[in-house]
Amino acid sequence: MAVYVIATYDIVDPEAYGPYVPGVVPLLHKHGGEILVADYEAASLEGEARGVNVVLRFASEEAARGWYNDPAYGPVKQVRLDSCANGTITLAKEFVMPSS
């Protein structure tokens, strides 16, 4: 079953954030991750909007956790943590319609 990683955060230091995207993309590919949404200008319909909104798709929860916990991601993740604020990273399972 597919899972989605939903990330929202505000970049507070754009220069320090610069290496994050080039660093994370190869690791996403390594774990079979697909970028479905990456928007720096998303419109909020409800609640407070964040500067960055990302939705990633993985084939399984194991694949998503494999990416997030990959030791190679640690230093890349630290770039994001050090240069951003108000971050939320959520793991959500694909919706499957119950059979009637």
C-alpha atoms as a PDB file:
ATOM      1  CA  MET A   1       0.000   0.000   0.000  1.00  0.00           C
ATOM      2  CA  ALA A   2       1.360   3.413  -0.960  1.00  0.00           C
ATOM      3  CA  VAL A   3       2.158   5.975   1.692  1.00  0.00           C
ATOM      4  CA  TYR A   4       2.633   9.711   1.467  1.00  0.00           C
ATOM      5  CA  VAL A   5       5.045  11.950   3.300  1.00  0.00           C
ATOM      6  CA  ILE A   6       3.599  15.427   3.712  1.00  0.00           C
ATOM      7  CA  ALA A   7       6.077  18.143   4.648  1.00  0.00           C
ATOM      8  CA  THR A   8       5.360  21.767   5.445  1.00  0.00           C
ATOM      9  CA  TYR A   9       7.841  24.301   6.764  1.00  0.00           C
ATOM     10  CA  ASP A  10       9.100  27.869   6.505  1.00  0.00           C
ATOM     11  CA  ILE A  11      12.575  28.603   5.191  1.00  0.00           C
ATOM     12  CA  VAL A  12      14.231  31.137   7.499  1.00  0.00           C
ATOM     13  CA  ASP A  13      17.739  31.027   6.020  1.00  0.00           C
ATOM     14  CA  PRO A  14      17.547  30.566   2.222  1.00  0.00           C
ATOM     15  CA  GLU A  15      21.311  30.486   1.764  1.00  0.00           C
ATOM     16  CA  ALA A  16      21.766  27.701   4.317  1.00  0.00           C
ATOM     17  CA  TYR A  17      18.784  25.828   2.821  1.00  0.00           C
ATOM     18  CA  GLY A  18      20.368  25.874  -0.662  1.00  0.00           C
ATOM     19  CA  PRO A  19      22.037  22.422  -0.455  1.00  0.00           C
ATOM     20  CA  TYR A  20      18.882  20.657   0.797  1.00  0.00           C
ATOM     21  CA  VAL A  21      17.023  19.954  -2.450  1.00  0.00           C
ATOM     22  CA  PRO A  22      20.097  18.771  -4.400  1.00  0.00           C
ATOM     23  CA  GLY A  23      20.977  16.572  -1.429  1.00  0.00           C
ATOM     24  CA  VAL A  24      17.556  15.024  -0.833  1.00  0.00           C
ATOM     25  CA  VAL A  25      16.496  14.198  -4.412  1.00  0.00           C
ATOM     26  CA  PRO A  26      19.035  11.372  -4.979  1.00  0.00           C
ATOM     27  CA  LEU A  27      18.063   9.843  -1.625  1.00  0.00           C
ATOM     28  CA  LEU A  28      14.375   9.943  -2.546  1.00  0.00           C
ATOM     29  CA  HIS A  29      15.163   8.123  -5.795  1.00  0.00           C
ATOM     30  CA  LYS A  30      17.292   5.582  -3.908  1.00  0.00           C
ATOM     31  CA  HIS A  31      14.227   4.613  -1.834  1.00  0.00           C
ATOM     32  CA  GLY A  32      11.712   4.787  -4.671  1.00  0.00           C
ATOM     33  CA  GLY A  33      10.238   8.104  -3.551  1.00  0.00           C
ATOM     34  CA  GLU A  34       8.315  10.248  -5.997  1.00  0.00           C
ATOM     35  CA  ILE A  35       7.776  13.992  -5.623  1.00  0.00           C
ATOM     36  CA  LEU A  36       4.090  14.674  -6.283  1.00  0.00           C
ATOM     37  CA  VAL A  37       3.961  18.244  -4.962  1.00  0.00           C
ATOM     38  CA  ALA A  38       6.692  20.783  -4.258  1.00  0.00           C
ATOM     39  CA  ASP A  39       5.179  24.238  -3.960  1.00  0.00           C
ATOM     40  CA  TYR A  40       6.741  27.395  -2.554  1.00  0.00           C
ATOM     41  CA  GLU A  41       3.598  29.487  -3.186  1.00  0.00           C
ATOM     42  CA  ALA A  42       0.694  27.266  -2.117  1.00  0.00           C
ATOM     43  CA  ALA A  43      -2.550  29.004  -1.200  1.00  0.00           C
ATOM     44  CA  SER A  44      -4.023  28.243   2.201  1.00  0.00           C
ATOM     45  CA  LEU A  45      -7.726  27.470   2.207  1.00  0.00           C
ATOM     46  CA  GLU A  46      -7.758  27.052   5.974  1.00  0.00           C
ATOM     47  CA  GLY A  47      -5.172  27.653   8.674  1.00  0.00           C
ATOM     48  CA  GLU A  48      -1.768  29.278   8.394  1.00  0.00           C
ATOM     49  CA  ALA A  49       0.120  28.592   5.174  1.00  0.00           C
ATOM     50  CA  ARG A  50       3.756  27.540   5.259  1.00  0.00           C
ATOM     51  CA  GLY A  51       6.365  28.619   2.754  1.00  0.00           C
ATOM     52  CA  VAL A  52       7.140  25.101   1.542  1.00  0.00           C
ATOM     53  CA  ASN A  53       4.591  22.341   0.920  1.00  0.00           C
ATOM     54  CA  VAL A  54       5.753  18.935  -0.316  1.00  0.00           C
ATOM     55  CA  VAL A  55       3.995  15.621  -0.903  1.00  0.00           C
ATOM     56  CA  LEU A  56       6.110  12.536  -1.539  1.00  0.00           C
ATOM     57  CA  ARG A  57       4.825   9.097  -2.542  1.00  0.00           C
ATOM     58  CA  PHE A  58       6.483   5.824  -1.566  1.00  0.00           C
ATOM     59  CA  ALA A  59       5.400   2.286  -2.448  1.00  0.00           C
ATOM     60  CA  SER A  60       5.269   1.297   1.227  1.00  0.00           C
ATOM     61  CA  GLU A  61       5.711   2.545   4.752  1.00  0.00           C
ATOM     62  CA  GLU A  62       8.960   0.583   4.916  1.00  0.00           C
ATOM     63  CA  ALA A  63      10.311   2.457   1.885  1.00  0.00           C
ATOM     64  CA  ALA A  64       9.323   5.832   3.368  1.00  0.00           C
ATOM     65  CA  ARG A  65      10.889   5.019   6.713  1.00  0.00           C
ATOM     66  CA  GLY A  66      13.946   3.641   4.928  1.00  0.00           C
ATOM     67  CA  TRP A  67      14.428   7.025   3.259  1.00  0.00           C
ATOM     68  CA  TYR A  68      13.781   9.050   6.418  1.00  0.00           C
ATOM     69  CA  ASN A  69      16.072   6.882   8.550  1.00  0.00           C
ATOM     70  CA  ASP A  70      18.812   6.431   5.928  1.00  0.00           C
ATOM     71  CA  PRO A  71      22.101   7.477   7.578  1.00  0.00           C
ATOM     72  CA  ALA A  72      22.962   9.398   4.401  1.00  0.00           C
ATOM     73  CA  TYR A  73      19.843  11.533   4.932  1.00  0.00           C
ATOM     74  CA  GLY A  74      20.937  12.608   8.426  1.00  0.00           C
ATOM     75  CA  PRO A  75      23.267  15.426   7.334  1.00  0.00           C
ATOM     76  CA  VAL A  76      20.855  16.512   4.592  1.00  0.00           C
ATOM     77  CA  LYS A  77      17.952  16.571   7.044  1.00  0.00           C
ATOM     78  CA  GLN A  78      20.080  18.660   9.404  1.00  0.00           C
ATOM     79  CA  VAL A  79      20.433  21.294   6.665  1.00  0.00           C
ATOM     80  CA  ARG A  80      16.616  21.568   6.580  1.00  0.00           C
ATOM     81  CA  LEU A  81      16.291  21.601  10.354  1.00  0.00           C
ATOM     82  CA  ASP A  82      18.952  24.309  10.725  1.00  0.00           C
ATOM     83  CA  SER A  83      17.545  26.553   8.003  1.00  0.00           C
ATOM     84  CA  CYS A  84      13.784  26.168   8.530  1.00  0.00           C
ATOM     85  CA  ALA A  85      11.115  26.679  11.184  1.00  0.00           C
ATOM     86  CA  ASN A  86       7.545  25.558  11.824  1.00  0.00           C
ATOM     87  CA  GLY A  87       8.196  22.175  10.267  1.00  0.00           C
ATOM     88  CA  THR A  88       5.814  19.259  10.176  1.00  0.00           C
ATOM     89  CA  ILE A  89       6.550  15.929   8.504  1.00  0.00           C
ATOM     90  CA  THR A  90       3.589  13.526   8.375  1.00  0.00           C
ATOM     91  CA  LEU A  91       3.398   9.934   7.142  1.00  0.00           C
ATOM     92  CA  ALA A  92      -0.073   9.082   5.788  1.00  0.00           C
ATOM     93  CA  LYS A  93      -1.305   5.831   4.280  1.00  0.00           C
ATOM     94  CA  GLU A  94      -3.090   5.672   0.955  1.00  0.00           C
ATOM     95  CA  PHE A  95      -6.888   5.703   1.268  1.00  0.00           C
ATOM     96  CA  VAL A  96      -8.537   2.493   0.204  1.00  0.00           C
ATOM     97  CA  MET A  97     -12.300   2.550  -0.205  1.00  0.00           C
ATOM     98  CA  PRO A  98     -13.890  -0.058   2.044  1.00  0.00           C
ATOM     99  CA  SER A  99     -15.717  -2.718   0.118  1.00  0.00           C
ATOM    100  CA  SER A 100     -19.463  -2.830   0.667  1.00  0.00           C
END
